[in-house]
Amino acid sequence: MARDSEREPVTDDDLRALRECMADQREAIRARLAEELDGSPEDFSAERYFQARTDGGEGHDREETDSP
């Protein structure tokens, strides 16, 4: 997002407020997905999804095969 050069710079408080807002939205979206797709909010955690694919961590649900 481009910033207007006449505006004040973004402060740490601005960033903190944005992160809180994003976290609230993330929770609401996960809850809605769980409701509509018959799962739990944890089933739609992007953090768990990517963690599972980067290091084979918890939540890794892809079957391992010998093929690439």
N, C-alpha and C. Protein backbone atom coordinates (compact mmCIF):
# COMPACT_ATOMS: atom_id res chain seq x y z
N MET A 1 0.84 -1.17 0.00
CA MET A 1 0.00 0.00 0.00
C MET A 1 0.89 1.24 0.00
N ALA A 2 0.66 2.11 -0.92
CA ALA A 2 1.44 3.35 -1.00
C ALA A 2 0.97 4.31 0.09
N ARG A 3 1.92 5.02 0.65
CA ARG A 3 1.60 5.99 1.70
C ARG A 3 1.68 7.40 1.12
N ASP A 4 0.76 8.23 1.53
CA ASP A 4 0.76 9.63 1.13
C ASP A 4 1.92 10.32 1.84
N SER A 5 2.80 10.98 1.10
CA SER A 5 3.99 11.59 1.68
C SER A 5 3.66 12.73 2.64
N GLU A 6 2.44 13.25 2.61
CA GLU A 6 2.05 14.33 3.51
C GLU A 6 1.54 13.80 4.85
N ARG A 7 1.36 12.51 4.97
CA ARG A 7 0.87 11.92 6.22
C ARG A 7 2.03 11.63 7.15
N GLU A 8 1.67 11.45 8.40
CA GLU A 8 2.66 11.07 9.40
C GLU A 8 3.12 9.64 9.15
N PRO A 9 4.34 9.32 9.53
CA PRO A 9 4.81 7.93 9.37
C PRO A 9 4.02 6.98 10.28
N VAL A 10 4.02 5.74 9.90
CA VAL A 10 3.34 4.72 10.69
C VAL A 10 4.12 4.53 11.99
N THR A 11 3.39 4.49 13.09
CA THR A 11 4.03 4.33 14.39
C THR A 11 3.94 2.88 14.85
N ASP A 12 4.68 2.56 15.89
CA ASP A 12 4.59 1.22 16.48
C ASP A 12 3.18 0.95 16.97
N ASP A 13 2.51 1.96 17.52
CA ASP A 13 1.13 1.80 17.97
C ASP A 13 0.20 1.50 16.81
N ASP A 14 0.42 2.15 15.66
CA ASP A 14 -0.37 1.88 14.46
C ASP A 14 -0.20 0.42 14.04
N LEU A 15 1.03 -0.04 14.03
CA LEU A 15 1.30 -1.43 13.63
C LEU A 15 0.69 -2.42 14.60
N ARG A 16 0.78 -2.10 15.88
CA ARG A 16 0.21 -2.98 16.91
C ARG A 16 -1.31 -3.08 16.73
N ALA A 17 -1.96 -1.95 16.48
CA ALA A 17 -3.41 -1.93 16.28
C ALA A 17 -3.79 -2.72 15.03
N LEU A 18 -3.01 -2.57 13.97
CA LEU A 18 -3.26 -3.32 12.74
C LEU A 18 -3.13 -4.82 12.97
N ARG A 19 -2.09 -5.23 13.68
CA ARG A 19 -1.90 -6.66 13.96
C ARG A 19 -3.06 -7.23 14.78
N GLU A 20 -3.54 -6.45 15.75
CA GLU A 20 -4.68 -6.90 16.56
C GLU A 20 -5.93 -7.05 15.70
N CYS A 21 -6.15 -6.10 14.83
CA CYS A 21 -7.30 -6.15 13.93
C CYS A 21 -7.21 -7.37 13.00
N MET A 22 -6.03 -7.62 12.47
CA MET A 22 -5.84 -8.76 11.58
C MET A 22 -6.05 -10.07 12.34
N ALA A 23 -5.60 -10.14 13.58
CA ALA A 23 -5.79 -11.35 14.38
C ALA A 23 -7.28 -11.60 14.62
N ASP A 24 -8.02 -10.54 14.91
CA ASP A 24 -9.47 -10.67 15.11
C ASP A 24 -10.14 -11.17 13.84
N GLN A 25 -9.76 -10.61 12.71
CA GLN A 25 -10.33 -11.03 11.43
C GLN A 25 -9.98 -12.47 11.14
N ARG A 26 -8.74 -12.84 11.42
CA ARG A 26 -8.30 -14.21 11.17
C ARG A 26 -9.15 -15.20 11.97
N GLU A 27 -9.41 -14.89 13.23
CA GLU A 27 -10.23 -15.76 14.07
C GLU A 27 -11.65 -15.88 13.51
N ALA A 28 -12.21 -14.76 13.10
CA ALA A 28 -13.57 -14.76 12.56
C ALA A 28 -13.65 -15.56 11.26
N ILE A 29 -12.66 -15.41 10.41
CA ILE A 29 -12.64 -16.14 9.14
C ILE A 29 -12.50 -17.64 9.39
N ARG A 30 -11.60 -18.01 10.29
CA ARG A 30 -11.44 -19.44 10.60
C ARG A 30 -12.71 -20.03 11.18
N ALA A 31 -13.39 -19.29 12.04
CA ALA A 31 -14.65 -19.76 12.63
C ALA A 31 -15.71 -19.94 11.55
N ARG A 32 -15.77 -19.00 10.62
CA ARG A 32 -16.76 -19.09 9.54
C ARG A 32 -16.47 -20.27 8.61
N LEU A 33 -15.19 -20.46 8.28
CA LEU A 33 -14.82 -21.61 7.45
C LEU A 33 -15.20 -22.92 8.13
N ALA A 34 -14.93 -23.00 9.43
CA ALA A 34 -15.24 -24.22 10.18
C ALA A 34 -16.75 -24.47 10.17
N GLU A 35 -17.51 -23.40 10.32
CA GLU A 35 -18.97 -23.52 10.32
C GLU A 35 -19.48 -23.99 8.97
N GLU A 36 -18.98 -23.39 7.91
CA GLU A 36 -19.48 -23.72 6.57
C GLU A 36 -18.94 -25.04 6.03
N LEU A 37 -17.75 -25.44 6.47
CA LEU A 37 -17.12 -26.64 5.91
C LEU A 37 -17.06 -27.79 6.90
N ASP A 38 -17.82 -27.69 7.98
CA ASP A 38 -17.91 -28.75 8.98
C ASP A 38 -16.55 -29.18 9.52
N GLY A 39 -15.86 -28.27 10.11
CA GLY A 39 -14.58 -28.57 10.74
C GLY A 39 -14.45 -27.76 12.01
N SER A 40 -13.24 -27.65 12.48
CA SER A 40 -12.98 -26.80 13.63
C SER A 40 -12.11 -25.64 13.16
N PRO A 41 -12.12 -24.52 13.87
CA PRO A 41 -11.29 -23.39 13.45
C PRO A 41 -9.82 -23.75 13.30
N GLU A 42 -9.34 -24.66 14.12
CA GLU A 42 -7.93 -25.07 14.04
C GLU A 42 -7.62 -25.76 12.71
N ASP A 43 -8.64 -26.34 12.09
CA ASP A 43 -8.44 -27.00 10.79
C ASP A 43 -8.04 -26.00 9.71
N PHE A 44 -8.30 -24.72 9.93
CA PHE A 44 -8.07 -23.70 8.92
C PHE A 44 -6.98 -22.72 9.33
N SER A 45 -6.04 -23.20 10.10
CA SER A 45 -4.93 -22.37 10.56
C SER A 45 -3.83 -22.36 9.51
N ALA A 46 -3.56 -21.20 8.95
CA ALA A 46 -2.50 -21.09 7.95
C ALA A 46 -1.15 -21.41 8.58
N GLU A 47 -0.95 -21.00 9.82
CA GLU A 47 0.32 -21.28 10.49
C GLU A 47 0.55 -22.79 10.59
N ARG A 48 -0.47 -23.52 11.01
CA ARG A 48 -0.33 -24.98 11.11
C ARG A 48 -0.10 -25.59 9.74
N TYR A 49 -0.81 -25.10 8.74
CA TYR A 49 -0.68 -25.62 7.38
C TYR A 49 0.76 -25.48 6.88
N PHE A 50 1.30 -24.28 6.98
CA PHE A 50 2.64 -24.05 6.46
C PHE A 50 3.71 -24.71 7.32
N GLN A 51 3.51 -24.74 8.62
CA GLN A 51 4.45 -25.41 9.51
C GLN A 51 4.54 -26.90 9.15
N ALA A 52 3.40 -27.50 8.90
CA ALA A 52 3.37 -28.93 8.56
C ALA A 52 4.10 -29.21 7.26
N ARG A 53 4.06 -28.27 6.34
CA ARG A 53 4.69 -28.50 5.05
C ARG A 53 6.16 -28.12 5.01
N THR A 54 6.61 -27.32 5.95
CA THR A 54 8.02 -26.94 5.94
C THR A 54 8.88 -27.87 6.75
N ASP A 55 8.33 -28.45 7.82
CA ASP A 55 9.18 -29.33 8.62
C ASP A 55 8.51 -30.64 9.00
N GLY A 56 7.37 -30.93 8.39
CA GLY A 56 6.69 -32.18 8.71
C GLY A 56 6.13 -32.19 10.11
N GLY A 57 5.88 -30.99 10.67
CA GLY A 57 5.39 -30.86 12.04
C GLY A 57 3.97 -31.34 12.20
N GLU A 58 3.43 -31.13 13.39
CA GLU A 58 2.08 -31.55 13.73
C GLU A 58 1.09 -31.01 12.71
N GLY A 59 0.12 -31.85 12.36
CA GLY A 59 -0.88 -31.43 11.39
C GLY A 59 -0.51 -31.83 9.97
N HIS A 60 0.63 -32.47 9.81
CA HIS A 60 1.07 -32.91 8.49
C HIS A 60 0.17 -34.06 8.06
N ASP A 61 -0.72 -33.81 7.12
CA ASP A 61 -1.71 -34.81 6.75
C ASP A 61 -1.50 -35.38 5.36
N ARG A 62 -0.46 -34.96 4.70
CA ARG A 62 -0.18 -35.49 3.35
C ARG A 62 0.54 -36.80 3.46
N GLU A 63 0.10 -37.79 2.69
CA GLU A 63 0.73 -39.09 2.70
C GLU A 63 2.10 -39.00 2.05
N GLU A 64 3.08 -39.57 2.71
CA GLU A 64 4.43 -39.61 2.16
C GLU A 64 4.53 -40.75 1.15
N THR A 65 5.12 -40.47 0.01
CA THR A 65 5.32 -41.50 -1.00
C THR A 65 6.76 -41.41 -1.51
N ASP A 66 7.17 -42.40 -2.25
CA ASP A 66 8.51 -42.40 -2.82
C ASP A 66 8.59 -41.51 -4.05
N SER A 67 7.45 -41.14 -4.60
CA SER A 67 7.48 -40.30 -5.80
C SER A 67 7.61 -38.85 -5.43
N PRO A 68 8.24 -38.05 -6.32
CA PRO A 68 8.44 -36.62 -6.04
C PRO A 68 7.17 -35.81 -6.05
